[in-house]
Amino acid sequence: MTSFTDHQTFEGKDGSVIHLRPAIKEDAKEIIKAANAIVEAKRYIQKEKVNSLEEEHHFIDHVQQQGHMYIVIEVNGQVSGIARVLIGELKMKQHIGLFRTWIHPNTQGKGIGHFIMQYTQNWCKKKRLHKLCLTVFASNQAAYSLYKKYGFEEEGVQKDQVFVDDHYDDEILMAYFIK
């Protein structure tokens, strides 16, 4: 395994500069602005409103204090998304991480998902986690395919778990076992 660094820079499929790094309080306004575009689209995010500035500051402080992963995805210097892994709080679940990510619609299709998955899996190995869990809507085939490509396997399906765009959608539970 190559050594892991918290700051990583890549070139996107279109030549854009993609930088992944830990979130800091100064990112809060840009995170909120980018998240708002996803929330307004009402697809593939389990949020109905964005955090207030105070809530986002509190969340950034919390993840830093608890040793969780919370990174921003910058595309050409602009915060365009986040990825996070929250480690189980109970002692019996501290070997498990819960993964969430979103990317602004304007920056999708640049290969960013690939870099996020590599970063996240390497971070989990560094933290010596055993299992990384996530959920994905069945209609989000791009995300589902990405997760399968990176070794995630289905653990179950919650039928009609969400109601989006005037129809029910299943939520697929997936896990990656870290070796």
N, C-alpha and C. Protein backbone atom coordinates (compact mmCIF):
# COMPACT_ATOMS: atom_id res chain seq x y z
N MET A 1 0.84 -1.17 0.00
CA MET A 1 0.00 0.00 0.00
C MET A 1 0.89 1.24 0.00
N THR A 2 0.54 2.21 -0.85
CA THR A 2 1.28 3.47 -0.85
C THR A 2 0.92 4.25 0.40
N SER A 3 1.81 5.16 0.79
CA SER A 3 1.52 5.93 2.00
C SER A 3 0.36 6.88 1.75
N PHE A 4 -0.44 7.08 2.77
CA PHE A 4 -1.64 7.90 2.68
C PHE A 4 -1.32 9.31 3.13
N THR A 5 -1.79 10.28 2.38
CA THR A 5 -1.67 11.68 2.78
C THR A 5 -3.07 12.29 2.77
N ASP A 6 -3.34 13.18 3.72
CA ASP A 6 -4.67 13.78 3.84
C ASP A 6 -5.02 14.70 2.68
N HIS A 7 -4.02 15.25 2.01
CA HIS A 7 -4.23 16.14 0.86
C HIS A 7 -3.80 15.41 -0.41
N GLN A 8 -4.72 15.31 -1.35
CA GLN A 8 -4.40 14.63 -2.61
C GLN A 8 -4.95 15.44 -3.77
N THR A 9 -4.16 15.55 -4.83
CA THR A 9 -4.55 16.29 -6.02
C THR A 9 -4.49 15.37 -7.23
N PHE A 10 -5.52 15.47 -8.08
CA PHE A 10 -5.63 14.63 -9.26
C PHE A 10 -6.06 15.48 -10.45
N GLU A 11 -5.95 14.89 -11.62
CA GLU A 11 -6.47 15.53 -12.82
C GLU A 11 -7.74 14.80 -13.24
N GLY A 12 -8.82 15.56 -13.42
CA GLY A 12 -10.09 14.99 -13.84
C GLY A 12 -10.07 14.60 -15.31
N LYS A 13 -11.09 13.88 -15.73
CA LYS A 13 -11.19 13.43 -17.12
C LYS A 13 -11.13 14.59 -18.11
N ASP A 14 -11.60 15.76 -17.69
CA ASP A 14 -11.63 16.93 -18.58
C ASP A 14 -10.44 17.86 -18.35
N GLY A 15 -9.46 17.41 -17.57
CA GLY A 15 -8.28 18.23 -17.29
C GLY A 15 -8.42 19.13 -16.08
N SER A 16 -9.58 19.13 -15.42
CA SER A 16 -9.74 19.97 -14.23
C SER A 16 -8.86 19.45 -13.10
N VAL A 17 -8.52 20.37 -12.20
CA VAL A 17 -7.70 20.02 -11.04
C VAL A 17 -8.64 19.68 -9.89
N ILE A 18 -8.51 18.47 -9.39
CA ILE A 18 -9.35 17.97 -8.31
C ILE A 18 -8.47 17.81 -7.07
N HIS A 19 -8.88 18.45 -6.00
CA HIS A 19 -8.12 18.41 -4.76
C HIS A 19 -9.04 17.88 -3.65
N LEU A 20 -8.59 16.85 -2.97
CA LEU A 20 -9.32 16.27 -1.83
C LEU A 20 -8.52 16.59 -0.57
N ARG A 21 -9.21 17.15 0.42
CA ARG A 21 -8.53 17.52 1.66
C ARG A 21 -9.53 17.59 2.80
N PRO A 22 -9.04 17.50 4.04
CA PRO A 22 -9.95 17.61 5.18
C PRO A 22 -10.68 18.95 5.19
N ALA A 23 -11.95 18.91 5.57
CA ALA A 23 -12.75 20.12 5.68
C ALA A 23 -12.28 20.93 6.88
N ILE A 24 -12.32 22.25 6.73
CA ILE A 24 -12.02 23.16 7.82
C ILE A 24 -13.19 24.14 7.95
N LYS A 25 -13.28 24.80 9.08
CA LYS A 25 -14.40 25.70 9.33
C LYS A 25 -14.57 26.75 8.23
N GLU A 26 -13.47 27.20 7.66
CA GLU A 26 -13.53 28.22 6.61
C GLU A 26 -14.22 27.71 5.34
N ASP A 27 -14.40 26.41 5.22
CA ASP A 27 -15.09 25.82 4.07
C ASP A 27 -16.61 25.83 4.23
N ALA A 28 -17.10 26.11 5.42
CA ALA A 28 -18.52 25.91 5.74
C ALA A 28 -19.45 26.61 4.75
N LYS A 29 -19.20 27.86 4.43
CA LYS A 29 -20.09 28.60 3.52
C LYS A 29 -20.13 27.95 2.14
N GLU A 30 -18.97 27.55 1.64
CA GLU A 30 -18.93 26.91 0.31
C GLU A 30 -19.57 25.52 0.33
N ILE A 31 -19.40 24.79 1.42
CA ILE A 31 -20.05 23.47 1.55
C ILE A 31 -21.57 23.66 1.50
N ILE A 32 -22.06 24.61 2.25
CA ILE A 32 -23.50 24.88 2.30
C ILE A 32 -24.02 25.28 0.92
N LYS A 33 -23.30 26.14 0.24
CA LYS A 33 -23.70 26.60 -1.09
C LYS A 33 -23.76 25.42 -2.08
N ALA A 34 -22.74 24.58 -2.08
CA ALA A 34 -22.72 23.43 -2.99
C ALA A 34 -23.81 22.42 -2.61
N ALA A 35 -24.00 22.19 -1.32
CA ALA A 35 -25.02 21.23 -0.86
C ALA A 35 -26.41 21.69 -1.24
N ASN A 36 -26.62 22.98 -1.25
CA ASN A 36 -27.94 23.51 -1.57
C ASN A 36 -28.39 23.09 -2.98
N ALA A 37 -27.47 23.05 -3.92
CA ALA A 37 -27.81 22.63 -5.29
C ALA A 37 -28.30 21.18 -5.32
N ILE A 38 -27.69 20.34 -4.51
CA ILE A 38 -28.09 18.92 -4.44
C ILE A 38 -29.46 18.81 -3.76
N VAL A 39 -29.62 19.51 -2.66
CA VAL A 39 -30.88 19.46 -1.91
C VAL A 39 -32.03 19.98 -2.78
N GLU A 40 -31.79 21.06 -3.51
CA GLU A 40 -32.84 21.61 -4.37
C GLU A 40 -33.24 20.65 -5.48
N ALA A 41 -32.29 19.85 -5.96
CA ALA A 41 -32.60 18.85 -6.99
C ALA A 41 -33.43 17.70 -6.43
N LYS A 42 -33.41 17.53 -5.12
CA LYS A 42 -34.19 16.51 -4.42
C LYS A 42 -33.93 15.09 -4.93
N ARG A 43 -32.69 14.81 -5.26
CA ARG A 43 -32.33 13.49 -5.74
C ARG A 43 -31.02 13.05 -5.11
N TYR A 44 -30.98 11.81 -4.70
CA TYR A 44 -29.75 11.16 -4.27
C TYR A 44 -29.06 11.80 -3.07
N ILE A 45 -29.81 12.50 -2.26
CA ILE A 45 -29.26 13.00 -1.00
C ILE A 45 -30.36 12.90 0.06
N GLN A 46 -29.98 12.46 1.21
CA GLN A 46 -30.97 12.30 2.27
C GLN A 46 -30.91 13.51 3.20
N LYS A 47 -31.25 14.64 2.62
CA LYS A 47 -31.34 15.91 3.34
C LYS A 47 -32.48 16.68 2.71
N GLU A 48 -33.20 17.42 3.52
CA GLU A 48 -34.26 18.26 2.97
C GLU A 48 -33.91 19.73 3.09
N LYS A 49 -32.90 20.03 3.89
CA LYS A 49 -32.41 21.41 3.97
C LYS A 49 -30.93 21.34 4.34
N VAL A 50 -30.22 22.38 3.95
CA VAL A 50 -28.79 22.42 4.26
C VAL A 50 -28.60 22.89 5.69
N ASN A 51 -27.43 22.60 6.23
CA ASN A 51 -27.08 23.08 7.56
C ASN A 51 -26.98 24.59 7.57
N SER A 52 -27.25 25.17 8.72
CA SER A 52 -26.93 26.58 8.92
C SER A 52 -25.41 26.69 9.06
N LEU A 53 -24.90 27.89 9.00
CA LEU A 53 -23.46 28.09 9.16
C LEU A 53 -23.01 27.58 10.53
N GLU A 54 -23.78 27.86 11.55
CA GLU A 54 -23.44 27.39 12.90
C GLU A 54 -23.45 25.86 12.98
N GLU A 55 -24.45 25.23 12.37
CA GLU A 55 -24.53 23.76 12.37
C GLU A 55 -23.34 23.15 11.62
N GLU A 56 -22.97 23.74 10.50
CA GLU A 56 -21.84 23.21 9.72
C GLU A 56 -20.54 23.38 10.50
N HIS A 57 -20.35 24.53 11.15
CA HIS A 57 -19.16 24.72 11.99
C HIS A 57 -19.11 23.66 13.10
N HIS A 58 -20.25 23.43 13.73
CA HIS A 58 -20.32 22.43 14.81
C HIS A 58 -19.98 21.03 14.26
N PHE A 59 -20.52 20.70 13.09
CA PHE A 59 -20.26 19.38 12.51
C PHE A 59 -18.77 19.22 12.19
N ILE A 60 -18.16 20.23 11.60
CA ILE A 60 -16.72 20.16 11.28
C ILE A 60 -15.92 19.97 12.56
N ASP A 61 -16.24 20.72 13.61
CA ASP A 61 -15.55 20.54 14.90
C ASP A 61 -15.73 19.12 15.42
N HIS A 62 -16.97 18.62 15.36
CA HIS A 62 -17.28 17.28 15.88
C HIS A 62 -16.46 16.21 15.16
N VAL A 63 -16.45 16.23 13.83
CA VAL A 63 -15.73 15.18 13.11
C VAL A 63 -14.23 15.25 13.36
N GLN A 64 -13.71 16.46 13.50
CA GLN A 64 -12.28 16.59 13.81
C GLN A 64 -11.97 16.02 15.19
N GLN A 65 -12.80 16.36 16.17
CA GLN A 65 -12.57 15.89 17.54
C GLN A 65 -12.71 14.38 17.66
N GLN A 66 -13.62 13.79 16.90
CA GLN A 66 -13.89 12.35 16.99
C GLN A 66 -13.00 11.51 16.08
N GLY A 67 -12.22 12.14 15.22
CA GLY A 67 -11.33 11.40 14.33
C GLY A 67 -12.03 10.80 13.11
N HIS A 68 -13.19 11.35 12.76
CA HIS A 68 -13.90 10.89 11.57
C HIS A 68 -13.26 11.51 10.32
N MET A 69 -13.63 11.02 9.16
CA MET A 69 -13.18 11.61 7.90
C MET A 69 -14.27 12.56 7.39
N TYR A 70 -13.88 13.76 7.07
CA TYR A 70 -14.78 14.73 6.42
C TYR A 70 -13.92 15.55 5.49
N ILE A 71 -14.03 15.26 4.20
CA ILE A 71 -13.20 15.95 3.22
C ILE A 71 -14.05 16.80 2.29
N VAL A 72 -13.42 17.84 1.76
CA VAL A 72 -14.05 18.61 0.70
C VAL A 72 -13.42 18.19 -0.61
N ILE A 73 -14.24 18.27 -1.65
CA ILE A 73 -13.78 18.01 -3.00
C ILE A 73 -13.75 19.36 -3.70
N GLU A 74 -12.56 19.80 -4.04
CA GLU A 74 -12.40 21.06 -4.76
C GLU A 74 -12.16 20.74 -6.23
N VAL A 75 -12.87 21.44 -7.09
CA VAL A 75 -12.65 21.32 -8.53
C VAL A 75 -12.24 22.71 -9.01
N ASN A 76 -11.02 22.80 -9.52
CA ASN A 76 -10.45 24.08 -9.96
C ASN A 76 -10.58 25.15 -8.88
N GLY A 77 -10.30 24.75 -7.62
CA GLY A 77 -10.28 25.69 -6.51
C GLY A 77 -11.63 25.97 -5.87
N GLN A 78 -12.70 25.38 -6.38
CA GLN A 78 -14.05 25.63 -5.87
C GLN A 78 -14.56 24.38 -5.15
N VAL A 79 -15.06 24.55 -3.91
CA VAL A 79 -15.64 23.41 -3.19
C VAL A 79 -16.87 22.94 -3.96
N SER A 80 -16.84 21.67 -4.37
CA SER A 80 -17.90 21.12 -5.22
C SER A 80 -18.54 19.87 -4.63
N GLY A 81 -18.12 19.48 -3.44
CA GLY A 81 -18.71 18.30 -2.82
C GLY A 81 -17.98 17.92 -1.56
N ILE A 82 -18.47 16.86 -0.95
CA ILE A 82 -17.87 16.34 0.28
C ILE A 82 -17.90 14.82 0.26
N ALA A 83 -17.10 14.24 1.10
CA ALA A 83 -17.19 12.81 1.42
C ALA A 83 -16.88 12.69 2.90
N ARG A 84 -17.55 11.75 3.55
CA ARG A 84 -17.29 11.58 4.98
C ARG A 84 -17.45 10.12 5.36
N VAL A 85 -16.73 9.77 6.42
CA VAL A 85 -16.87 8.47 7.06
C VAL A 85 -17.00 8.74 8.55
N LEU A 86 -18.13 8.33 9.10
CA LEU A 86 -18.35 8.45 10.53
C LEU A 86 -18.12 7.07 11.15
N ILE A 87 -17.20 7.01 12.07
CA ILE A 87 -16.86 5.76 12.74
C ILE A 87 -17.89 5.49 13.83
N GLY A 88 -18.25 4.22 14.01
CA GLY A 88 -19.23 3.85 15.03
C GLY A 88 -18.86 4.41 16.39
N GLU A 89 -19.85 4.96 17.08
CA GLU A 89 -19.58 5.57 18.39
C GLU A 89 -19.55 4.54 19.51
N LEU A 90 -20.35 3.49 19.40
CA LEU A 90 -20.33 2.44 20.43
C LEU A 90 -19.06 1.61 20.28
N LYS A 91 -18.49 1.19 21.40
CA LYS A 91 -17.26 0.39 21.37
C LYS A 91 -17.43 -0.83 20.46
N MET A 92 -18.61 -1.44 20.51
CA MET A 92 -18.85 -2.65 19.70
C MET A 92 -18.95 -2.35 18.20
N LYS A 93 -19.01 -1.06 17.84
CA LYS A 93 -19.13 -0.70 16.42
C LYS A 93 -18.01 0.21 15.94
N GLN A 94 -16.94 0.31 16.70
CA GLN A 94 -15.85 1.19 16.30
C GLN A 94 -14.98 0.63 15.18
N HIS A 95 -15.31 -0.53 14.70
CA HIS A 95 -14.60 -1.13 13.57
C HIS A 95 -15.31 -0.84 12.24
N ILE A 96 -16.42 -0.10 12.33
CA ILE A 96 -17.28 0.16 11.16
C ILE A 96 -17.32 1.65 10.88
N GLY A 97 -17.31 1.98 9.59
CA GLY A 97 -17.49 3.36 9.16
C GLY A 97 -18.73 3.47 8.30
N LEU A 98 -19.43 4.59 8.41
CA LEU A 98 -20.60 4.88 7.58
C LEU A 98 -20.21 5.96 6.59
N PHE A 99 -20.29 5.64 5.31
CA PHE A 99 -19.83 6.51 4.22
C PHE A 99 -20.98 7.28 3.61
N ARG A 100 -20.76 8.57 3.35
CA ARG A 100 -21.69 9.42 2.62
C ARG A 100 -20.88 10.35 1.73
N THR A 101 -21.42 10.65 0.57
CA THR A 101 -20.76 11.60 -0.33
C THR A 101 -21.79 12.26 -1.22
N TRP A 102 -21.47 13.42 -1.72
CA TRP A 102 -22.26 14.08 -2.76
C TRP A 102 -21.33 15.03 -3.52
N ILE A 103 -21.67 15.23 -4.79
CA ILE A 103 -20.89 16.10 -5.67
C ILE A 103 -21.88 17.01 -6.41
N HIS A 104 -21.54 18.29 -6.50
CA HIS A 104 -22.38 19.26 -7.21
C HIS A 104 -22.63 18.76 -8.64
N PRO A 105 -23.87 18.89 -9.13
CA PRO A 105 -24.19 18.41 -10.48
C PRO A 105 -23.27 18.95 -11.59
N ASN A 106 -22.79 20.18 -11.45
CA ASN A 106 -21.93 20.77 -12.48
C ASN A 106 -20.56 20.13 -12.56
N THR A 107 -20.18 19.36 -11.55
CA THR A 107 -18.84 18.77 -11.56
C THR A 107 -18.89 17.24 -11.64
N GLN A 108 -20.05 16.69 -11.88
CA GLN A 108 -20.15 15.24 -12.05
C GLN A 108 -19.64 14.85 -13.45
N GLY A 109 -19.19 13.62 -13.58
CA GLY A 109 -18.71 13.13 -14.87
C GLY A 109 -17.24 13.41 -15.13
N LYS A 110 -16.52 13.86 -14.14
CA LYS A 110 -15.10 14.17 -14.28
C LYS A 110 -14.20 13.06 -13.73
N GLY A 111 -14.80 11.98 -13.24
CA GLY A 111 -14.03 10.90 -12.64
C GLY A 111 -13.74 11.11 -11.17
N ILE A 112 -14.44 12.05 -10.56
CA ILE A 112 -14.20 12.38 -9.15
C ILE A 112 -14.54 11.20 -8.24
N GLY A 113 -15.59 10.46 -8.55
CA GLY A 113 -15.99 9.32 -7.73
C GLY A 113 -14.85 8.34 -7.54
N HIS A 114 -14.10 8.11 -8.59
CA HIS A 114 -12.94 7.22 -8.55
C HIS A 114 -11.94 7.69 -7.49
N PHE A 115 -11.63 8.98 -7.50
CA PHE A 115 -10.66 9.52 -6.54
C PHE A 115 -11.20 9.49 -5.11
N ILE A 116 -12.49 9.76 -4.97
CA ILE A 116 -13.11 9.71 -3.63
C ILE A 116 -13.03 8.30 -3.06
N MET A 117 -13.32 7.31 -3.89
CA MET A 117 -13.29 5.93 -3.39
C MET A 117 -11.88 5.51 -3.00
N GLN A 118 -10.89 5.86 -3.82
CA GLN A 118 -9.51 5.52 -3.46
C GLN A 118 -9.10 6.19 -2.15
N TYR A 119 -9.39 7.48 -2.05
CA TYR A 119 -9.06 8.24 -0.84
C TYR A 119 -9.72 7.59 0.38
N THR A 120 -11.01 7.33 0.26
CA THR A 120 -11.78 6.80 1.39
C THR A 120 -11.29 5.42 1.81
N GLN A 121 -11.07 4.55 0.85
CA GLN A 121 -10.61 3.21 1.20
C GLN A 121 -9.22 3.26 1.84
N ASN A 122 -8.35 4.12 1.35
CA ASN A 122 -7.03 4.26 1.97
C ASN A 122 -7.13 4.84 3.37
N TRP A 123 -8.03 5.80 3.57
CA TRP A 123 -8.23 6.38 4.90
C TRP A 123 -8.72 5.30 5.86
N CYS A 124 -9.66 4.46 5.41
CA CYS A 124 -10.18 3.39 6.26
C CYS A 124 -9.09 2.39 6.62
N LYS A 125 -8.21 2.08 5.69
CA LYS A 125 -7.09 1.17 5.98
C LYS A 125 -6.18 1.79 7.03
N LYS A 126 -5.89 3.08 6.87
CA LYS A 126 -5.03 3.79 7.83
C LYS A 126 -5.65 3.75 9.22
N LYS A 127 -6.98 3.88 9.31
CA LYS A 127 -7.69 3.86 10.59
C LYS A 127 -7.94 2.45 11.10
N ARG A 128 -7.57 1.45 10.30
CA ARG A 128 -7.74 0.04 10.64
C ARG A 128 -9.20 -0.35 10.87
N LEU A 129 -10.07 0.24 10.05
CA LEU A 129 -11.47 -0.16 10.10
C LEU A 129 -11.61 -1.53 9.44
N HIS A 130 -12.62 -2.24 9.80
CA HIS A 130 -12.89 -3.57 9.25
C HIS A 130 -13.94 -3.52 8.14
N LYS A 131 -14.87 -2.58 8.25
CA LYS A 131 -16.02 -2.57 7.34
C LYS A 131 -16.45 -1.13 7.08
N LEU A 132 -16.77 -0.85 5.82
CA LEU A 132 -17.29 0.46 5.41
C LEU A 132 -18.68 0.24 4.83
N CYS A 133 -19.67 0.92 5.37
CA CYS A 133 -21.07 0.74 4.96
C CYS A 133 -21.58 2.00 4.26
N LEU A 134 -22.58 1.79 3.41
CA LEU A 134 -23.25 2.91 2.75
C LEU A 134 -24.62 2.45 2.30
N THR A 135 -25.44 3.42 1.93
CA THR A 135 -26.70 3.12 1.26
C THR A 135 -26.74 3.91 -0.02
N VAL A 136 -27.42 3.36 -1.02
CA VAL A 136 -27.55 4.02 -2.32
C VAL A 136 -28.95 3.74 -2.85
N PHE A 137 -29.58 4.75 -3.46
CA PHE A 137 -30.88 4.54 -4.06
C PHE A 137 -30.73 3.63 -5.28
N ALA A 138 -31.66 2.71 -5.47
CA ALA A 138 -31.59 1.76 -6.58
C ALA A 138 -31.58 2.49 -7.93
N SER A 139 -32.23 3.63 -8.02
CA SER A 139 -32.26 4.37 -9.29
C SER A 139 -30.95 5.09 -9.59
N ASN A 140 -30.05 5.18 -8.63
CA ASN A 140 -28.76 5.86 -8.84
C ASN A 140 -27.74 4.84 -9.36
N GLN A 141 -27.93 4.43 -10.59
CA GLN A 141 -27.10 3.38 -11.16
C GLN A 141 -25.63 3.78 -11.30
N ALA A 142 -25.35 5.05 -11.53
CA ALA A 142 -23.95 5.48 -11.65
C ALA A 142 -23.22 5.24 -10.33
N ALA A 143 -23.83 5.63 -9.22
CA ALA A 143 -23.21 5.44 -7.91
C ALA A 143 -23.13 3.95 -7.58
N TYR A 144 -24.20 3.22 -7.82
CA TYR A 144 -24.22 1.79 -7.54
C TYR A 144 -23.08 1.08 -8.30
N SER A 145 -22.92 1.40 -9.56
CA SER A 145 -21.85 0.78 -10.38
C SER A 145 -20.47 1.14 -9.84
N LEU A 146 -20.30 2.38 -9.42
CA LEU A 146 -19.02 2.80 -8.85
C LEU A 146 -18.70 1.99 -7.60
N TYR A 147 -19.68 1.86 -6.72
CA TYR A 147 -19.45 1.12 -5.48
C TYR A 147 -19.13 -0.34 -5.76
N LYS A 148 -19.83 -0.95 -6.69
CA LYS A 148 -19.53 -2.35 -7.07
C LYS A 148 -18.10 -2.45 -7.60
N LYS A 149 -17.70 -1.50 -8.42
CA LYS A 149 -16.35 -1.50 -9.00
C LYS A 149 -15.29 -1.47 -7.91
N TYR A 150 -15.59 -0.81 -6.80
CA TYR A 150 -14.63 -0.68 -5.71
C TYR A 150 -14.83 -1.71 -4.60
N GLY A 151 -15.49 -2.80 -4.93
CA GLY A 151 -15.54 -3.94 -4.03
C GLY A 151 -16.68 -3.97 -3.04
N PHE A 152 -17.62 -3.05 -3.14
CA PHE A 152 -18.78 -3.08 -2.25
C PHE A 152 -19.71 -4.19 -2.68
N GLU A 153 -20.32 -4.84 -1.72
CA GLU A 153 -21.29 -5.88 -2.00
C GLU A 153 -22.61 -5.53 -1.33
N GLU A 154 -23.68 -6.01 -1.93
CA GLU A 154 -25.01 -5.76 -1.37
C GLU A 154 -25.19 -6.58 -0.10
N GLU A 155 -25.76 -5.94 0.91
CA GLU A 155 -26.11 -6.64 2.14
C GLU A 155 -27.61 -6.71 2.33
N GLY A 156 -28.34 -5.95 1.56
CA GLY A 156 -29.79 -5.98 1.68
C GLY A 156 -30.43 -4.85 0.89
N VAL A 157 -31.75 -4.96 0.77
CA VAL A 157 -32.52 -3.94 0.06
C VAL A 157 -33.72 -3.57 0.93
N GLN A 158 -33.92 -2.29 1.11
CA GLN A 158 -35.11 -1.80 1.79
C GLN A 158 -36.06 -1.32 0.70
N LYS A 159 -37.11 -2.09 0.48
CA LYS A 159 -38.07 -1.81 -0.59
C LYS A 159 -38.86 -0.54 -0.31
N ASP A 160 -39.07 0.26 -1.36
CA ASP A 160 -39.87 1.49 -1.27
C ASP A 160 -39.48 2.35 -0.07
N GLN A 161 -38.19 2.45 0.18
CA GLN A 161 -37.68 3.13 1.37
C GLN A 161 -37.78 4.66 1.27
N VAL A 162 -37.73 5.19 0.04
CA VAL A 162 -37.81 6.64 -0.15
C VAL A 162 -38.86 6.95 -1.21
N PHE A 163 -39.38 8.16 -1.13
CA PHE A 163 -40.35 8.65 -2.12
C PHE A 163 -39.73 9.89 -2.75
N VAL A 164 -39.26 9.74 -4.00
CA VAL A 164 -38.55 10.80 -4.71
C VAL A 164 -39.12 10.93 -6.11
N ASP A 165 -39.31 12.16 -6.56
CA ASP A 165 -39.82 12.41 -7.92
C ASP A 165 -41.13 11.67 -8.18
N ASP A 166 -42.01 11.70 -7.21
CA ASP A 166 -43.34 11.10 -7.32
C ASP A 166 -43.35 9.59 -7.50
N HIS A 167 -42.28 8.93 -7.06
CA HIS A 167 -42.30 7.47 -7.06
C HIS A 167 -41.43 6.93 -5.92
N TYR A 168 -41.72 5.69 -5.56
CA TYR A 168 -40.96 5.02 -4.52
C TYR A 168 -39.67 4.48 -5.11
N ASP A 169 -38.63 4.44 -4.29
CA ASP A 169 -37.35 3.91 -4.72
C ASP A 169 -36.81 3.04 -3.59
N ASP A 170 -36.13 1.99 -3.97
CA ASP A 170 -35.49 1.11 -2.99
C ASP A 170 -34.17 1.73 -2.54
N GLU A 171 -33.78 1.40 -1.32
CA GLU A 171 -32.48 1.79 -0.81
C GLU A 171 -31.66 0.52 -0.63
N ILE A 172 -30.51 0.49 -1.26
CA ILE A 172 -29.64 -0.69 -1.22
C ILE A 172 -28.57 -0.47 -0.16
N LEU A 173 -28.44 -1.43 0.74
CA LEU A 173 -27.40 -1.39 1.76
C LEU A 173 -26.19 -2.13 1.21
N MET A 174 -25.02 -1.48 1.26
CA MET A 174 -23.80 -2.06 0.70
C MET A 174 -22.68 -1.97 1.72
N ALA A 175 -21.71 -2.86 1.59
CA ALA A 175 -20.55 -2.85 2.50
C ALA A 175 -19.30 -3.27 1.76
N TYR A 176 -18.20 -2.72 2.22
CA TYR A 176 -16.87 -3.05 1.74
C TYR A 176 -16.07 -3.55 2.93
N PHE A 177 -15.52 -4.74 2.83
CA PHE A 177 -14.72 -5.31 3.91
C PHE A 177 -13.26 -5.00 3.64
N ILE A 178 -12.64 -4.29 4.54
CA ILE A 178 -11.27 -3.78 4.36
C ILE A 178 -10.27 -4.89 4.69
N LYS A 179 -9.36 -5.08 3.79
CA LYS A 179 -8.35 -6.14 3.95
C LYS A 179 -7.01 -5.53 4.30
